[in-house]
């Protein structure tokens, strides 16, 4: 009984040798196995010999476990992952380049938008300034038109006179001597024209004498009135217009009968500018020798 049990159970050393032989024999059988359709006597080509040489060199470096399970080697894994890592590196570089290009395009776009906005703002400011200038020009044109209308009204009113007041100074005996009453009348008339503009004095002298004697006598009376107004009240001579009518009646007089007394009839005439101050338009200088009161 004991002898049979001993022969049927192998020793531990024999078991280890058996496992080692199995591990060595399996790769050898795999290398010796060939496809049935491939001729065994075909010589290998040069391209096939080179991988065989390299594979044999790698096999010598792989060791025992490399020949048993080649997929578990770090070198094999690195060899398989290196192309992937290289491709990933290329993709990272391409992505970085694309990101840089996008940033460059965005910066150029922002710069272009800023320049366009600045140009638009400048154009808007220019348009606003042009609008303000146009409005100012319109206001100036309206003011000039108003001045032109005012000037036209002024010119039209220069020769439009109407009577303000009148006075009649009588002389005794046809002598050109002013009485106290005559001087008082002339003083009142001169006071009414103080500071006034646009007025004239019409002086008509009458004499009861006929012919040239009456005309000469009426001329002396008119000169006496004019002399008093100039010397005593500083009325300009150009504002007085005198005429010696002798014994002729003045035109338009209600009493057209013969003249019986020596007298001087004075009318104060004023145009439409007599009661207002008219300023000259802008850019128009007052002419020399302008009319003074």
Foldseek 3Di string as FASTA:
>chain_A
DVVVVVVVDDDPVVVVVVVVVVLVVVLVVVVPDDDPPDDPPDDDDPVVVVVVVVVVVVVVVLPSVCSNPVVPDPVVVCVVCVVVVVVVVVVVVVVVVVVVVVVVVVVVVVVVVVVVVVVVVVVVVVVVVVVVVVVVVVVVVVLVVVLVVVVVVVVVFLPAKDFDDKDKAFDPPLDLDGDPVNVVRLVVVLVVCVPWPAKAKEKEWEALDDDPVQQVSRVSNSVSSLVCCCPPRVDDPVRYDYHYDYQADDPPDPDRDTDDGTMMMMTMMGTPCGPDDDDHDPPDDDDPPDDDD
